[in-house]
Amino acid sequence: MLSIGLPELLVLLGMLPILAVTVVIPYWKIFGKAGFNKWLAFLMFVPIVDTVILWFFAFSRWTVAMPPPMPARAACTKCGNPLTEEAPFCAFCGSRRT
Protein backbone atom coordinates (compact mmCIF):
# COMPACT_ATOMS: atom_id res chain seq x y z
CA MET A 1 0.00 0.00 0.00
CA LEU A 2 1.21 3.46 -0.84
CA SER A 3 1.47 5.81 2.09
CA ILE A 4 2.55 9.42 1.91
CA GLY A 5 4.16 10.80 5.01
CA LEU A 6 4.79 14.38 6.01
CA PRO A 7 8.21 14.67 4.27
CA GLU A 8 6.80 13.47 0.96
CA LEU A 9 3.82 15.78 1.29
CA LEU A 10 6.08 18.76 1.95
CA VAL A 11 8.18 17.93 -1.11
CA LEU A 12 5.06 17.73 -3.27
CA LEU A 13 3.74 21.02 -1.90
CA GLY A 14 7.15 22.61 -2.48
CA MET A 15 7.10 21.52 -6.11
CA LEU A 16 3.71 23.09 -6.84
CA PRO A 17 5.00 26.68 -7.16
CA ILE A 18 7.83 25.49 -9.41
CA LEU A 19 5.34 23.63 -11.59
CA ALA A 20 3.05 26.65 -11.68
CA VAL A 21 5.88 28.94 -12.76
CA THR A 22 7.23 26.59 -15.41
CA VAL A 23 3.78 25.98 -16.92
CA VAL A 24 1.84 29.21 -16.51
CA ILE A 25 4.44 31.87 -17.36
CA PRO A 26 5.44 30.52 -20.80
CA TYR A 27 1.83 29.96 -21.85
CA TRP A 28 0.87 33.37 -20.42
CA LYS A 29 3.47 35.02 -22.68
CA ILE A 30 2.59 32.93 -25.75
CA PHE A 31 -1.16 33.53 -25.46
CA GLY A 32 -0.60 37.26 -24.96
CA LYS A 33 1.73 37.60 -27.94
CA ALA A 34 -0.72 35.71 -30.13
CA GLY A 35 -3.58 38.03 -29.16
CA PHE A 36 -5.50 35.56 -27.02
CA ASN A 37 -6.61 36.00 -23.44
CA LYS A 38 -3.60 35.44 -21.17
CA TRP A 39 -5.74 33.75 -18.52
CA LEU A 40 -6.03 30.70 -20.77
CA ALA A 41 -2.62 29.74 -19.38
CA PHE A 42 -4.25 28.51 -16.17
CA LEU A 43 -6.31 25.99 -18.13
CA MET A 44 -3.07 24.16 -18.95
CA PHE A 45 -3.41 22.42 -15.57
CA VAL A 46 -6.67 20.70 -16.59
CA PRO A 47 -5.71 17.39 -18.26
CA ILE A 48 -8.07 17.13 -21.25
CA VAL A 49 -8.67 20.86 -21.66
CA ASP A 50 -4.96 21.61 -22.13
CA THR A 51 -4.79 19.37 -25.20
CA VAL A 52 -7.97 20.83 -26.67
CA ILE A 53 -6.70 24.39 -26.15
CA LEU A 54 -3.33 23.61 -27.72
CA TRP A 55 -5.00 22.09 -30.79
CA PHE A 56 -7.37 25.05 -31.06
CA PHE A 57 -4.51 27.46 -30.60
CA ALA A 58 -2.31 25.74 -33.18
CA PHE A 59 -4.89 25.87 -35.97
CA SER A 60 -6.71 29.13 -35.24
CA ARG A 61 -6.02 32.50 -36.84
CA TRP A 62 -3.93 34.66 -34.56
CA THR A 63 -5.39 38.11 -34.08
CA VAL A 64 -2.08 39.93 -33.72
CA ALA A 65 -1.25 41.93 -36.83
CA MET A 66 1.94 41.06 -38.62
CA PRO A 67 4.42 43.89 -39.09
CA PRO A 68 4.10 45.61 -42.46
CA PRO A 69 6.54 44.41 -45.10
CA MET A 70 9.60 46.49 -45.76
CA PRO A 71 9.11 48.84 -48.71
CA ALA A 72 10.98 47.87 -51.82
CA ARG A 73 14.00 50.09 -52.39
CA ALA A 74 15.12 51.13 -55.81
CA ALA A 75 18.35 49.52 -56.97
CA CYS A 76 20.89 50.56 -59.57
CA THR A 77 20.40 48.65 -62.81
CA LYS A 78 24.15 48.53 -63.44
CA CYS A 79 25.69 47.58 -60.05
CA GLY A 80 22.62 46.57 -57.99
CA ASN A 81 23.37 48.82 -55.00
CA PRO A 82 20.43 50.62 -53.34
CA LEU A 83 19.52 54.10 -54.56
CA THR A 84 18.18 56.95 -52.46
CA GLU A 85 14.85 58.46 -53.50
CA GLU A 86 16.22 61.84 -54.59
CA ALA A 87 19.54 60.79 -56.16
CA PRO A 88 19.62 61.07 -59.97
CA PHE A 89 22.87 59.03 -60.12
CA CYS A 90 24.13 55.91 -58.35
CA ALA A 91 26.52 56.83 -55.55
CA PHE A 92 28.60 53.68 -56.16
CA CYS A 93 29.05 53.42 -59.94
CA GLY A 94 27.82 56.85 -61.16
CA SER A 95 25.32 55.55 -63.68
CA ARG A 96 22.15 57.57 -64.36
CA ARG A 97 19.02 56.42 -62.60
CA THR A 98 16.46 54.92 -64.99
C-alpha atoms as a PDB file:
ATOM      1  CA  MET A   1       0.000   0.000   0.000  1.00  0.00           C
ATOM      2  CA  LEU A   2       1.205   3.462  -0.840  1.00  0.00           C
ATOM      3  CA  SER A   3       1.469   5.813   2.091  1.00  0.00           C
ATOM      4  CA  ILE A   4       2.548   9.418   1.913  1.00  0.00           C
ATOM      5  CA  GLY A   5       4.158  10.801   5.006  1.00  0.00           C
ATOM      6  CA  LEU A   6       4.787  14.381   6.010  1.00  0.00           C
ATOM      7  CA  PRO A   7       8.209  14.674   4.272  1.00  0.00           C
ATOM      8  CA  GLU A   8       6.803  13.472   0.960  1.00  0.00           C
ATOM      9  CA  LEU A   9       3.815  15.778   1.289  1.00  0.00           C
ATOM     10  CA  LEU A  10       6.077  18.762   1.953  1.00  0.00           C
ATOM     11  CA  VAL A  11       8.183  17.926  -1.107  1.00  0.00           C
ATOM     12  CA  LEU A  12       5.055  17.725  -3.266  1.00  0.00           C
ATOM     13  CA  LEU A  13       3.744  21.016  -1.899  1.00  0.00           C
ATOM     14  CA  GLY A  14       7.148  22.614  -2.484  1.00  0.00           C
ATOM     15  CA  MET A  15       7.104  21.520  -6.108  1.00  0.00           C
ATOM     16  CA  LEU A  16       3.708  23.087  -6.844  1.00  0.00           C
ATOM     17  CA  PRO A  17       5.001  26.682  -7.160  1.00  0.00           C
ATOM     18  CA  ILE A  18       7.828  25.488  -9.409  1.00  0.00           C
ATOM     19  CA  LEU A  19       5.344  23.625 -11.587  1.00  0.00           C
ATOM     20  CA  ALA A  20       3.048  26.647 -11.683  1.00  0.00           C
ATOM     21  CA  VAL A  21       5.875  28.943 -12.758  1.00  0.00           C
ATOM     22  CA  THR A  22       7.226  26.590 -15.410  1.00  0.00           C
ATOM     23  CA  VAL A  23       3.777  25.977 -16.923  1.00  0.00           C
ATOM     24  CA  VAL A  24       1.837  29.214 -16.509  1.00  0.00           C
ATOM     25  CA  ILE A  25       4.438  31.873 -17.358  1.00  0.00           C
ATOM     26  CA  PRO A  26       5.444  30.523 -20.804  1.00  0.00           C
ATOM     27  CA  TYR A  27       1.834  29.956 -21.854  1.00  0.00           C
ATOM     28  CA  TRP A  28       0.867  33.371 -20.424  1.00  0.00           C
ATOM     29  CA  LYS A  29       3.473  35.020 -22.681  1.00  0.00           C
ATOM     30  CA  ILE A  30       2.591  32.927 -25.751  1.00  0.00           C
ATOM     31  CA  PHE A  31      -1.156  33.527 -25.460  1.00  0.00           C
ATOM     32  CA  GLY A  32      -0.604  37.259 -24.958  1.00  0.00           C
ATOM     33  CA  LYS A  33       1.732  37.598 -27.935  1.00  0.00           C
ATOM     34  CA  ALA A  34      -0.720  35.707 -30.130  1.00  0.00           C
ATOM     35  CA  GLY A  35      -3.577  38.031 -29.161  1.00  0.00           C
ATOM     36  CA  PHE A  36      -5.504  35.558 -27.022  1.00  0.00           C
ATOM     37  CA  ASN A  37      -6.607  35.999 -23.437  1.00  0.00           C
ATOM     38  CA  LYS A  38      -3.599  35.441 -21.168  1.00  0.00           C
ATOM     39  CA  TRP A  39      -5.739  33.752 -18.519  1.00  0.00           C
ATOM     40  CA  LEU A  40      -6.030  30.699 -20.773  1.00  0.00           C
ATOM     41  CA  ALA A  41      -2.618  29.740 -19.380  1.00  0.00           C
ATOM     42  CA  PHE A  42      -4.252  28.508 -16.175  1.00  0.00           C
ATOM     43  CA  LEU A  43      -6.308  25.988 -18.130  1.00  0.00           C
ATOM     44  CA  MET A  44      -3.072  24.165 -18.952  1.00  0.00           C
ATOM     45  CA  PHE A  45      -3.412  22.419 -15.571  1.00  0.00           C
ATOM     46  CA  VAL A  46      -6.670  20.697 -16.594  1.00  0.00           C
ATOM     47  CA  PRO A  47      -5.705  17.390 -18.255  1.00  0.00           C
ATOM     48  CA  ILE A  48      -8.075  17.132 -21.251  1.00  0.00           C
ATOM     49  CA  VAL A  49      -8.673  20.860 -21.662  1.00  0.00           C
ATOM     50  CA  ASP A  50      -4.964  21.607 -22.130  1.00  0.00           C
ATOM     51  CA  THR A  51      -4.785  19.368 -25.197  1.00  0.00           C
ATOM     52  CA  VAL A  52      -7.968  20.833 -26.669  1.00  0.00           C
ATOM     53  CA  ILE A  53      -6.695  24.393 -26.151  1.00  0.00           C
ATOM     54  CA  LEU A  54      -3.326  23.607 -27.716  1.00  0.00           C
ATOM     55  CA  TRP A  55      -4.996  22.091 -30.787  1.00  0.00           C
ATOM     56  CA  PHE A  56      -7.374  25.049 -31.063  1.00  0.00           C
ATOM     57  CA  PHE A  57      -4.507  27.464 -30.601  1.00  0.00           C
ATOM     58  CA  ALA A  58      -2.308  25.745 -33.177  1.00  0.00           C
ATOM     59  CA  PHE A  59      -4.888  25.871 -35.968  1.00  0.00           C
ATOM     60  CA  SER A  60      -6.707  29.133 -35.238  1.00  0.00           C
ATOM     61  CA  ARG A  61      -6.020  32.502 -36.844  1.00  0.00           C
ATOM     62  CA  TRP A  62      -3.932  34.659 -34.560  1.00  0.00           C
ATOM     63  CA  THR A  63      -5.388  38.110 -34.078  1.00  0.00           C
ATOM     64  CA  VAL A  64      -2.077  39.927 -33.721  1.00  0.00           C
ATOM     65  CA  ALA A  65      -1.248  41.927 -36.828  1.00  0.00           C
ATOM     66  CA  MET A  66       1.940  41.058 -38.616  1.00  0.00           C
ATOM     67  CA  PRO A  67       4.416  43.893 -39.085  1.00  0.00           C
ATOM     68  CA  PRO A  68       4.103  45.610 -42.459  1.00  0.00           C
ATOM     69  CA  PRO A  69       6.539  44.411 -45.102  1.00  0.00           C
ATOM     70  CA  MET A  70       9.603  46.486 -45.762  1.00  0.00           C
ATOM     71  CA  PRO A  71       9.107  48.844 -48.709  1.00  0.00           C
ATOM     72  CA  ALA A  72      10.981  47.871 -51.817  1.00  0.00           C
ATOM     73  CA  ARG A  73      13.999  50.085 -52.386  1.00  0.00           C
ATOM     74  CA  ALA A  74      15.120  51.131 -55.809  1.00  0.00           C
ATOM     75  CA  ALA A  75      18.347  49.518 -56.966  1.00  0.00           C
ATOM     76  CA  CYS A  76      20.886  50.564 -59.569  1.00  0.00           C
ATOM     77  CA  THR A  77      20.402  48.646 -62.809  1.00  0.00           C
ATOM     78  CA  LYS A  78      24.151  48.531 -63.441  1.00  0.00           C
ATOM     79  CA  CYS A  79      25.685  47.576 -60.050  1.00  0.00           C
ATOM     80  CA  GLY A  80      22.616  46.569 -57.986  1.00  0.00           C
ATOM     81  CA  ASN A  81      23.368  48.821 -55.004  1.00  0.00           C
ATOM     82  CA  PRO A  82      20.427  50.619 -53.344  1.00  0.00           C
ATOM     83  CA  LEU A  83      19.517  54.102 -54.561  1.00  0.00           C
ATOM     84  CA  THR A  84      18.178  56.946 -52.457  1.00  0.00           C
ATOM     85  CA  GLU A  85      14.853  58.460 -53.496  1.00  0.00           C
ATOM     86  CA  GLU A  86      16.217  61.836 -54.595  1.00  0.00           C
ATOM     87  CA  ALA A  87      19.541  60.794 -56.157  1.00  0.00           C
ATOM     88  CA  PRO A  88      19.618  61.065 -59.972  1.00  0.00           C
ATOM     89  CA  PHE A  89      22.867  59.026 -60.115  1.00  0.00           C
ATOM     90  CA  CYS A  90      24.131  55.905 -58.352  1.00  0.00           C
ATOM     91  CA  ALA A  91      26.521  56.833 -55.553  1.00  0.00           C
ATOM     92  CA  PHE A  92      28.599  53.681 -56.163  1.00  0.00           C
ATOM     93  CA  CYS A  93      29.046  53.418 -59.936  1.00  0.00           C
ATOM     94  CA  GLY A  94      27.823  56.848 -61.156  1.00  0.00           C
ATOM     95  CA  SER A  95      25.316  55.546 -63.684  1.00  0.00           C
ATOM     96  CA  ARG A  96      22.152  57.569 -64.361  1.00  0.00           C
ATOM     97  CA  ARG A  97      19.019  56.416 -62.596  1.00  0.00           C
ATOM     98  CA  THR A  98      16.463  54.923 -64.990  1.00  0.00           C
END
